Amino acid sequence: MTPQNSLRLATALACLVVGAARAQSALPDASRREALRSELTQRFAAADTNADGRLSRDEAKAGMPRVYRAFDAIDSTHAGSITLAQIEAYLASQRGKRGAGAP
């Protein structure tokens, strides 16, 4: 094997190892996100006492106090109630702000 072929082989192996490591490190993040989403869905369902798919301010206060504290920001349509999708959108926007260096 020539030195150039050895270098190419070593480079290819290094790329495979790095790629595999990145793929494995992405799994915990994806699993964690799915677990958090599942927990949010369960907590939302438990707080939605009338099962209408929306949380009133009172339902949020009783069942999801952190959501209640951000209720006005989450209720972007000013409907007086919020959906799971609105909560998820709000959380995503907050993650985006933190990722952009905002406090």
C-alpha atoms as a PDB file:
ATOM      1  CA  MET A   1       0.000   0.000   0.000  1.00  0.00           C
ATOM      2  CA  THR A   2       1.395   3.388  -0.947  1.00  0.00           C
ATOM      3  CA  PRO A   3       1.650   6.199   1.622  1.00  0.00           C
ATOM      4  CA  GLN A   4      -1.054   8.104  -0.277  1.00  0.00           C
ATOM      5  CA  ASN A   5      -3.437   5.127  -0.112  1.00  0.00           C
ATOM      6  CA  SER A   6      -2.706   4.704   3.602  1.00  0.00           C
ATOM      7  CA  LEU A   7      -3.519   8.367   4.168  1.00  0.00           C
ATOM      8  CA  ARG A   8      -6.736   8.065   2.177  1.00  0.00           C
ATOM      9  CA  LEU A   9      -7.760   4.981   4.127  1.00  0.00           C
ATOM     10  CA  ALA A  10      -6.988   6.664   7.453  1.00  0.00           C
ATOM     11  CA  THR A  11      -8.961   9.742   6.418  1.00  0.00           C
ATOM     12  CA  ALA A  12     -11.928   7.630   5.320  1.00  0.00           C
ATOM     13  CA  LEU A  13     -11.898   5.702   8.596  1.00  0.00           C
ATOM     14  CA  ALA A  14     -11.703   8.927  10.605  1.00  0.00           C
ATOM     15  CA  CYS A  15     -14.704  10.299   8.701  1.00  0.00           C
ATOM     16  CA  LEU A  16     -16.669   7.124   9.411  1.00  0.00           C
ATOM     17  CA  VAL A  17     -15.854   7.250  13.121  1.00  0.00           C
ATOM     18  CA  VAL A  18     -16.768  10.928  13.394  1.00  0.00           C
ATOM     19  CA  GLY A  19     -19.976  10.382  11.420  1.00  0.00           C
ATOM     20  CA  ALA A  20     -20.995   7.441  13.602  1.00  0.00           C
ATOM     21  CA  ALA A  21     -20.265   9.426  16.764  1.00  0.00           C
ATOM     22  CA  ARG A  22     -22.388  12.307  15.546  1.00  0.00           C
ATOM     23  CA  ALA A  23     -25.247   9.980  14.657  1.00  0.00           C
ATOM     24  CA  GLN A  24     -25.141   8.371  18.096  1.00  0.00           C
ATOM     25  CA  SER A  25     -24.952  11.704  19.902  1.00  0.00           C
ATOM     26  CA  ALA A  26     -28.044  12.897  18.015  1.00  0.00           C
ATOM     27  CA  LEU A  27     -30.105   9.997  19.336  1.00  0.00           C
ATOM     28  CA  PRO A  28     -30.247  11.121  22.972  1.00  0.00           C
ATOM     29  CA  ASP A  29     -31.379  14.592  21.901  1.00  0.00           C
ATOM     30  CA  ALA A  30     -34.132  13.160  19.708  1.00  0.00           C
ATOM     31  CA  SER A  31     -35.178  10.726  22.426  1.00  0.00           C
ATOM     32  CA  ARG A  32     -35.153  13.486  25.025  1.00  0.00           C
ATOM     33  CA  ARG A  33     -37.244  15.780  22.809  1.00  0.00           C
ATOM     34  CA  GLU A  34     -39.766  13.002  22.221  1.00  0.00           C
ATOM     35  CA  ALA A  35     -39.967  12.240  25.944  1.00  0.00           C
ATOM     36  CA  LEU A  36     -40.502  15.925  26.743  1.00  0.00           C
ATOM     37  CA  ARG A  37     -43.174  16.213  24.054  1.00  0.00           C
ATOM     38  CA  SER A  38     -44.917  13.137  25.415  1.00  0.00           C
ATOM     39  CA  GLU A  39     -44.852  14.574  28.935  1.00  0.00           C
ATOM     40  CA  LEU A  40     -46.209  17.904  27.680  1.00  0.00           C
ATOM     41  CA  THR A  41     -49.022  16.122  25.841  1.00  0.00           C
ATOM     42  CA  GLN A  42     -49.934  14.128  28.947  1.00  0.00           C
ATOM     43  CA  ARG A  43     -49.853  17.175  31.210  1.00  0.00           C
ATOM     44  CA  PHE A  44     -51.964  19.142  28.715  1.00  0.00           C
ATOM     45  CA  ALA A  45     -54.555  16.346  28.567  1.00  0.00           C
ATOM     46  CA  ALA A  46     -54.701  16.165  32.359  1.00  0.00           C
ATOM     47  CA  ALA A  47     -55.106  19.945  32.661  1.00  0.00           C
ATOM     48  CA  ASP A  48     -57.779  20.071  29.938  1.00  0.00           C
ATOM     49  CA  THR A  49     -60.533  19.056  32.346  1.00  0.00           C
ATOM     50  CA  ASN A  50     -63.390  19.533  29.882  1.00  0.00           C
ATOM     51  CA  ALA A  51     -61.458  17.740  27.082  1.00  0.00           C
ATOM     52  CA  ASP A  52     -62.142  20.427  24.479  1.00  0.00           C
ATOM     53  CA  GLY A  53     -58.552  20.514  23.216  1.00  0.00           C
ATOM     54  CA  ARG A  54     -57.949  23.962  24.685  1.00  0.00           C
ATOM     55  CA  LEU A  55     -56.827  25.242  28.074  1.00  0.00           C
ATOM     56  CA  SER A  56     -58.705  28.094  29.629  1.00  0.00           C
ATOM     57  CA  ARG A  57     -56.795  30.417  31.916  1.00  0.00           C
ATOM     58  CA  ASP A  58     -58.279  28.586  34.931  1.00  0.00           C
ATOM     59  CA  GLU A  59     -57.346  25.146  33.574  1.00  0.00           C
ATOM     60  CA  ALA A  60     -53.789  26.328  32.932  1.00  0.00           C
ATOM     61  CA  LYS A  61     -53.564  27.853  36.410  1.00  0.00           C
ATOM     62  CA  ALA A  62     -54.748  24.634  38.060  1.00  0.00           C
ATOM     63  CA  GLY A  63     -52.904  22.117  35.914  1.00  0.00           C
ATOM     64  CA  MET A  64     -49.934  23.809  34.233  1.00  0.00           C
ATOM     65  CA  PRO A  65     -48.727  26.736  36.367  1.00  0.00           C
ATOM     66  CA  ARG A  66     -45.711  27.541  34.183  1.00  0.00           C
ATOM     67  CA  VAL A  67     -47.969  27.709  31.134  1.00  0.00           C
ATOM     68  CA  TYR A  68     -50.358  29.876  33.138  1.00  0.00           C
ATOM     69  CA  ARG A  69     -47.561  32.371  33.889  1.00  0.00           C
ATOM     70  CA  ALA A  70     -46.901  32.733  30.151  1.00  0.00           C
ATOM     71  CA  PHE A  71     -50.580  32.464  29.147  1.00  0.00           C
ATOM     72  CA  ASP A  72     -50.856  35.910  27.531  1.00  0.00           C
ATOM     73  CA  ALA A  73     -47.727  35.362  25.455  1.00  0.00           C
ATOM     74  CA  ILE A  74     -48.917  31.902  24.368  1.00  0.00           C
ATOM     75  CA  ASP A  75     -52.462  33.109  23.544  1.00  0.00           C
ATOM     76  CA  SER A  76     -51.298  34.847  20.385  1.00  0.00           C
ATOM     77  CA  THR A  77     -54.841  35.023  18.990  1.00  0.00           C
ATOM     78  CA  HIS A  78     -56.246  36.522  22.217  1.00  0.00           C
ATOM     79  CA  ALA A  79     -58.951  33.863  22.258  1.00  0.00           C
ATOM     80  CA  GLY A  80     -58.851  33.390  26.007  1.00  0.00           C
ATOM     81  CA  SER A  81     -57.760  29.789  25.617  1.00  0.00           C
ATOM     82  CA  ILE A  82     -54.696  28.041  24.247  1.00  0.00           C
ATOM     83  CA  THR A  83     -53.997  24.831  22.353  1.00  0.00           C
ATOM     84  CA  LEU A  84     -51.177  22.350  22.661  1.00  0.00           C
ATOM     85  CA  ALA A  85     -49.891  23.578  19.292  1.00  0.00           C
ATOM     86  CA  GLN A  86     -49.711  27.146  20.619  1.00  0.00           C
ATOM     87  CA  ILE A  87     -47.779  25.989  23.680  1.00  0.00           C
ATOM     88  CA  GLU A  88     -45.347  24.060  21.474  1.00  0.00           C
ATOM     89  CA  ALA A  89     -44.898  27.081  19.185  1.00  0.00           C
ATOM     90  CA  TYR A  90     -44.219  29.296  22.176  1.00  0.00           C
ATOM     91  CA  LEU A  91     -41.662  26.849  23.581  1.00  0.00           C
ATOM     92  CA  ALA A  92     -39.947  26.610  20.194  1.00  0.00           C
ATOM     93  CA  SER A  93     -39.752  30.400  19.959  1.00  0.00           C
ATOM     94  CA  GLN A  94     -38.225  30.554  23.432  1.00  0.00           C
ATOM     95  CA  ARG A  95     -35.632  27.911  22.490  1.00  0.00           C
ATOM     96  CA  GLY A  96     -34.840  29.953  19.391  1.00  0.00           C
ATOM     97  CA  LYS A  97     -34.273  33.075  21.472  1.00  0.00           C
ATOM     98  CA  ARG A  98     -31.949  31.228  23.838  1.00  0.00           C
ATOM     99  CA  GLY A  99     -30.055  29.753  20.892  1.00  0.00           C
ATOM    100  CA  ALA A 100     -29.635  33.214  19.380  1.00  0.00           C
ATOM    101  CA  GLY A 101     -28.007  34.490  22.558  1.00  0.00           C
ATOM    102  CA  ALA A 102     -31.032  36.193  24.052  1.00  0.00           C
ATOM    103  CA  PRO A 103     -31.477  35.844  27.805  1.00  0.00           C
END
